[in-house]
């Protein structure tokens, strides 16, 4: 979870995730979309791959071409954790509401 949250802490990486929600894209297209050089974006893509949020596959005949796509299982795990946090706070706020209503 730490690697996932650390990867998503950067706005450029969040933008890449948003772009990949539309479908797989080559690295060059992602770099152009975020107005960044391929070399600069490669560092962000390395972090996203390391966190397990994206995967890269060879793109056709050119072995140098990498096509990136999302790995849904990481987002499912993140959503499960967020659901647990939300449930905790909903319970806490409900208990506080009950307390305030009892002490009126």
N, C-alpha and C. Protein backbone atom coordinates (compact mmCIF):
# COMPACT_ATOMS: atom_id res chain seq x y z
N UNK A 1 0.82 -1.19 0.00
CA UNK A 1 0.00 0.00 0.00
C UNK A 1 0.87 1.27 0.00
N UNK A 2 1.99 1.22 0.72
CA UNK A 2 2.87 2.39 0.77
C UNK A 2 3.39 2.77 -0.61
N UNK A 3 3.80 1.78 -1.38
CA UNK A 3 4.31 2.06 -2.73
C UNK A 3 3.21 2.62 -3.62
N UNK A 4 2.02 2.13 -3.47
CA UNK A 4 0.89 2.63 -4.26
C UNK A 4 0.62 4.09 -3.94
N UNK A 5 0.53 4.41 -2.66
CA UNK A 5 0.25 5.79 -2.27
C UNK A 5 1.40 6.73 -2.63
N UNK A 6 2.62 6.25 -2.48
CA UNK A 6 3.78 7.08 -2.85
C UNK A 6 3.76 7.36 -4.35
N UNK A 7 3.44 6.36 -5.14
CA UNK A 7 3.39 6.55 -6.59
C UNK A 7 2.29 7.55 -6.97
N UNK A 8 1.17 7.50 -6.29
CA UNK A 8 0.05 8.38 -6.61
C UNK A 8 0.20 9.78 -6.02
N UNK A 9 1.23 9.99 -5.22
CA UNK A 9 1.44 11.31 -4.61
C UNK A 9 1.89 12.35 -5.62
N UNK A 10 2.42 11.92 -6.74
CA UNK A 10 2.94 12.84 -7.74
C UNK A 10 1.86 13.16 -8.79
N UNK A 11 1.63 14.46 -9.07
CA UNK A 11 0.58 14.82 -10.03
C UNK A 11 0.83 14.30 -11.45
N UNK A 12 2.07 14.21 -11.86
CA UNK A 12 2.35 13.68 -13.20
C UNK A 12 1.95 12.22 -13.28
N UNK A 13 2.25 11.45 -12.25
CA UNK A 13 1.89 10.04 -12.26
C UNK A 13 0.38 9.86 -12.19
N UNK A 14 -0.30 10.72 -11.44
CA UNK A 14 -1.77 10.64 -11.43
C UNK A 14 -2.33 10.95 -12.81
N UNK A 15 -1.72 11.89 -13.52
CA UNK A 15 -2.17 12.22 -14.87
C UNK A 15 -1.96 11.04 -15.81
N UNK A 16 -0.84 10.35 -15.68
CA UNK A 16 -0.58 9.16 -16.49
C UNK A 16 -1.66 8.11 -16.22
N UNK A 17 -2.00 7.92 -14.95
CA UNK A 17 -3.06 6.96 -14.60
C UNK A 17 -4.37 7.37 -15.27
N UNK A 18 -4.71 8.65 -15.23
CA UNK A 18 -5.94 9.13 -15.87
C UNK A 18 -5.91 8.83 -17.37
N UNK A 19 -4.78 9.06 -18.00
CA UNK A 19 -4.66 8.79 -19.44
C UNK A 19 -4.82 7.30 -19.73
N UNK A 20 -4.25 6.46 -18.88
CA UNK A 20 -4.34 5.02 -19.09
C UNK A 20 -5.72 4.47 -18.79
N UNK A 21 -6.54 5.21 -18.07
CA UNK A 21 -7.92 4.78 -17.86
C UNK A 21 -8.68 4.70 -19.19
N UNK A 22 -8.23 5.50 -20.15
CA UNK A 22 -8.86 5.50 -21.47
C UNK A 22 -8.42 4.31 -22.31
N UNK A 23 -7.32 3.67 -21.92
CA UNK A 23 -6.81 2.51 -22.64
C UNK A 23 -5.30 2.53 -22.69
N UNK A 24 -4.71 1.41 -23.09
CA UNK A 24 -3.25 1.31 -23.19
C UNK A 24 -2.69 2.36 -24.14
N UNK A 25 -1.48 2.84 -23.80
CA UNK A 25 -0.82 3.85 -24.63
C UNK A 25 0.68 3.62 -24.66
N UNK A 26 1.30 3.95 -25.79
CA UNK A 26 2.76 3.88 -25.85
C UNK A 26 3.40 4.98 -24.98
N UNK A 27 4.61 4.72 -24.52
CA UNK A 27 5.31 5.67 -23.66
C UNK A 27 5.45 7.03 -24.33
N UNK A 28 5.76 7.06 -25.60
CA UNK A 28 5.92 8.33 -26.31
C UNK A 28 4.65 9.16 -26.33
N UNK A 29 3.54 8.50 -26.50
CA UNK A 29 2.25 9.20 -26.49
C UNK A 29 1.94 9.76 -25.10
N UNK A 30 2.29 8.99 -24.06
CA UNK A 30 2.09 9.48 -22.69
C UNK A 30 2.96 10.70 -22.43
N UNK A 31 4.22 10.65 -22.87
CA UNK A 31 5.14 11.77 -22.66
C UNK A 31 4.60 13.03 -23.34
N UNK A 32 4.11 12.87 -24.54
CA UNK A 32 3.55 14.02 -25.27
C UNK A 32 2.32 14.57 -24.55
N UNK A 33 1.47 13.69 -24.05
CA UNK A 33 0.24 14.11 -23.38
C UNK A 33 0.50 14.87 -22.09
N UNK A 34 1.60 14.55 -21.42
CA UNK A 34 1.92 15.25 -20.16
C UNK A 34 2.97 16.33 -20.36
N UNK A 35 3.29 16.61 -21.62
CA UNK A 35 4.27 17.66 -21.98
C UNK A 35 5.61 17.46 -21.27
N UNK A 36 6.16 16.28 -21.46
CA UNK A 36 7.40 15.92 -20.79
C UNK A 36 8.26 15.13 -21.76
N UNK A 37 9.56 15.24 -21.61
CA UNK A 37 10.44 14.44 -22.46
C UNK A 37 10.27 12.96 -22.11
N UNK A 38 10.59 12.13 -23.08
CA UNK A 38 10.49 10.68 -22.85
C UNK A 38 11.39 10.25 -21.69
N UNK A 39 12.59 10.85 -21.62
CA UNK A 39 13.53 10.49 -20.54
C UNK A 39 12.96 10.87 -19.17
N UNK A 40 12.37 12.04 -19.08
CA UNK A 40 11.80 12.47 -17.79
C UNK A 40 10.61 11.60 -17.41
N UNK A 41 9.77 11.28 -18.39
CA UNK A 41 8.60 10.45 -18.08
C UNK A 41 9.01 9.03 -17.72
N UNK A 42 10.10 8.55 -18.27
CA UNK A 42 10.51 7.17 -17.98
C UNK A 42 10.73 6.96 -16.49
N UNK A 43 11.19 7.97 -15.79
CA UNK A 43 11.37 7.85 -14.33
C UNK A 43 10.02 7.68 -13.64
N UNK A 44 9.01 8.42 -14.09
CA UNK A 44 7.67 8.28 -13.52
C UNK A 44 7.08 6.91 -13.84
N UNK A 45 7.28 6.46 -15.07
CA UNK A 45 6.77 5.14 -15.46
C UNK A 45 7.45 4.03 -14.66
N UNK A 46 8.72 4.21 -14.36
CA UNK A 46 9.45 3.22 -13.54
C UNK A 46 8.82 3.12 -12.15
N UNK A 47 8.47 4.27 -11.57
CA UNK A 47 7.83 4.27 -10.25
C UNK A 47 6.47 3.59 -10.32
N UNK A 48 5.70 3.91 -11.36
CA UNK A 48 4.37 3.31 -11.50
C UNK A 48 4.47 1.79 -11.71
N UNK A 49 5.46 1.35 -12.49
CA UNK A 49 5.66 -0.09 -12.67
C UNK A 49 6.09 -0.74 -11.35
N UNK A 50 6.99 -0.09 -10.64
CA UNK A 50 7.48 -0.62 -9.37
C UNK A 50 6.39 -0.76 -8.33
N UNK A 51 5.41 0.13 -8.38
CA UNK A 51 4.30 0.06 -7.43
C UNK A 51 3.25 -0.96 -7.86
N UNK A 52 3.37 -1.44 -9.09
CA UNK A 52 2.41 -2.42 -9.59
C UNK A 52 1.15 -1.80 -10.17
N UNK A 53 1.11 -0.48 -10.32
CA UNK A 53 -0.09 0.17 -10.85
C UNK A 53 -0.20 0.05 -12.36
N UNK A 54 0.93 -0.04 -13.04
CA UNK A 54 0.92 -0.18 -14.50
C UNK A 54 1.84 -1.32 -14.91
N UNK A 55 1.64 -1.78 -16.12
CA UNK A 55 2.52 -2.78 -16.70
C UNK A 55 2.90 -2.33 -18.10
N UNK A 56 4.04 -2.80 -18.55
CA UNK A 56 4.51 -2.47 -19.89
C UNK A 56 4.66 -3.75 -20.69
N UNK A 57 4.23 -3.67 -21.93
CA UNK A 57 4.37 -4.81 -22.84
C UNK A 57 5.03 -4.32 -24.11
N UNK A 58 5.73 -5.22 -24.78
CA UNK A 58 6.34 -4.87 -26.06
C UNK A 58 5.24 -4.52 -27.04
N UNK A 59 5.48 -3.47 -27.80
CA UNK A 59 4.48 -2.99 -28.74
C UNK A 59 4.75 -3.40 -30.16
N UNK A 60 4.40 -4.60 -30.52
CA UNK A 60 4.50 -5.02 -31.90
C UNK A 60 5.90 -5.41 -32.33
N UNK A 61 6.25 -5.03 -33.56
CA UNK A 61 7.52 -5.45 -34.16
C UNK A 61 8.73 -4.76 -33.55
N UNK A 62 8.56 -3.56 -33.04
CA UNK A 62 9.67 -2.79 -32.49
C UNK A 62 9.83 -3.15 -31.01
N UNK A 63 10.90 -3.87 -30.69
CA UNK A 63 11.12 -4.31 -29.30
C UNK A 63 11.35 -3.14 -28.35
N UNK A 64 11.73 -1.98 -28.89
CA UNK A 64 11.98 -0.81 -28.04
C UNK A 64 10.67 -0.14 -27.61
N UNK A 65 9.62 -0.35 -28.38
CA UNK A 65 8.33 0.29 -28.09
C UNK A 65 7.66 -0.42 -26.91
N UNK A 66 7.27 0.36 -25.93
CA UNK A 66 6.56 -0.18 -24.77
C UNK A 66 5.17 0.45 -24.71
N UNK A 67 4.18 -0.41 -24.54
CA UNK A 67 2.80 0.04 -24.40
C UNK A 67 2.41 -0.19 -22.95
N UNK A 68 1.92 0.86 -22.31
CA UNK A 68 1.58 0.81 -20.89
C UNK A 68 0.09 0.66 -20.70
N UNK A 69 -0.27 -0.09 -19.66
CA UNK A 69 -1.68 -0.27 -19.31
C UNK A 69 -1.79 -0.39 -17.79
N UNK A 70 -3.00 -0.20 -17.30
CA UNK A 70 -3.25 -0.28 -15.86
C UNK A 70 -3.32 -1.73 -15.41
N UNK A 71 -2.98 -1.95 -14.15
CA UNK A 71 -3.14 -3.26 -13.52
C UNK A 71 -4.27 -3.12 -12.50
N UNK A 72 -5.47 -3.55 -12.87
CA UNK A 72 -6.65 -3.32 -12.04
C UNK A 72 -6.57 -3.88 -10.62
N UNK A 73 -5.81 -4.96 -10.42
CA UNK A 73 -5.78 -5.56 -9.08
C UNK A 73 -5.20 -4.62 -8.04
N UNK A 74 -4.28 -3.75 -8.42
CA UNK A 74 -3.72 -2.79 -7.47
C UNK A 74 -4.76 -1.75 -7.08
N UNK A 75 -5.58 -1.37 -8.02
CA UNK A 75 -6.63 -0.39 -7.72
C UNK A 75 -7.73 -1.01 -6.88
N UNK A 76 -7.97 -2.29 -7.07
CA UNK A 76 -8.95 -3.00 -6.24
C UNK A 76 -8.47 -3.03 -4.79
N UNK A 77 -7.19 -3.31 -4.59
CA UNK A 77 -6.62 -3.33 -3.23
C UNK A 77 -6.69 -1.94 -2.60
N UNK A 78 -6.40 -0.91 -3.39
CA UNK A 78 -6.48 0.46 -2.88
C UNK A 78 -7.91 0.80 -2.49
N UNK A 79 -8.87 0.42 -3.33
CA UNK A 79 -10.27 0.70 -3.03
C UNK A 79 -10.73 -0.03 -1.78
N UNK A 80 -10.27 -1.25 -1.59
CA UNK A 80 -10.63 -2.00 -0.38
C UNK A 80 -10.11 -1.29 0.87
N UNK A 81 -8.89 -0.79 0.80
CA UNK A 81 -8.32 -0.07 1.94
C UNK A 81 -9.08 1.22 2.20
N UNK A 82 -9.41 1.95 1.15
CA UNK A 82 -10.18 3.19 1.31
C UNK A 82 -11.56 2.91 1.88
N UNK A 83 -12.17 1.81 1.47
CA UNK A 83 -13.47 1.43 2.02
C UNK A 83 -13.39 1.17 3.52
N UNK A 84 -12.29 0.54 3.96
CA UNK A 84 -12.10 0.29 5.39
C UNK A 84 -11.94 1.60 6.16
N UNK A 85 -11.17 2.52 5.60
CA UNK A 85 -10.98 3.82 6.24
C UNK A 85 -12.31 4.57 6.33
N UNK A 86 -13.06 4.55 5.24
CA UNK A 86 -14.35 5.24 5.22
C UNK A 86 -15.31 4.61 6.24
N UNK A 87 -15.33 3.30 6.33
CA UNK A 87 -16.20 2.63 7.29
C UNK A 87 -15.82 3.02 8.72
N UNK A 88 -14.53 3.10 9.01
CA UNK A 88 -14.09 3.51 10.34
C UNK A 88 -14.60 4.90 10.67
N UNK A 89 -14.41 5.85 9.76
CA UNK A 89 -14.83 7.22 10.04
C UNK A 89 -16.35 7.35 10.08
N UNK A 90 -17.05 6.59 9.29
CA UNK A 90 -18.52 6.61 9.35
C UNK A 90 -19.00 6.12 10.71
N UNK A 91 -18.34 5.07 11.21
CA UNK A 91 -18.69 4.55 12.53
C UNK A 91 -18.37 5.56 13.63
N UNK A 92 -17.21 6.20 13.53
CA UNK A 92 -16.82 7.20 14.52
C UNK A 92 -17.78 8.38 14.53
N UNK A 93 -18.13 8.87 13.35
CA UNK A 93 -19.05 10.01 13.27
C UNK A 93 -20.45 9.62 13.74
N UNK A 94 -20.86 8.39 13.44
CA UNK A 94 -22.16 7.92 13.94
C UNK A 94 -22.17 7.85 15.46
N UNK A 95 -21.09 7.37 16.04
CA UNK A 95 -21.00 7.30 17.51
C UNK A 95 -20.99 8.70 18.11
N UNK A 96 -20.30 9.63 17.48
CA UNK A 96 -20.28 11.00 17.97
C UNK A 96 -21.67 11.63 17.89
N UNK A 97 -22.36 11.40 16.80
CA UNK A 97 -23.72 11.91 16.63
C UNK A 97 -24.63 11.36 17.73
N UNK A 98 -24.55 10.05 17.98
CA UNK A 98 -25.37 9.43 19.04
C UNK A 98 -25.05 10.05 20.40
N UNK A 99 -23.78 10.29 20.66
CA UNK A 99 -23.35 10.89 21.93
C UNK A 99 -23.93 12.30 22.08
N UNK A 100 -23.85 13.09 21.03
CA UNK A 100 -24.36 14.47 21.08
C UNK A 100 -25.87 14.46 21.29
N UNK A 101 -26.57 13.57 20.62
CA UNK A 101 -28.02 13.51 20.76
C UNK A 101 -28.44 13.04 22.16
N UNK A 102 -27.64 12.15 22.76
CA UNK A 102 -27.96 11.67 24.12
C UNK A 102 -27.70 12.74 25.16
N UNK A 103 -26.74 13.61 24.92
CA UNK A 103 -26.36 14.59 25.95
C UNK A 103 -27.08 15.92 25.78
N UNK A 104 -27.99 16.04 24.87
CA UNK A 104 -28.76 17.28 24.71
C UNK A 104 -29.74 17.48 25.82
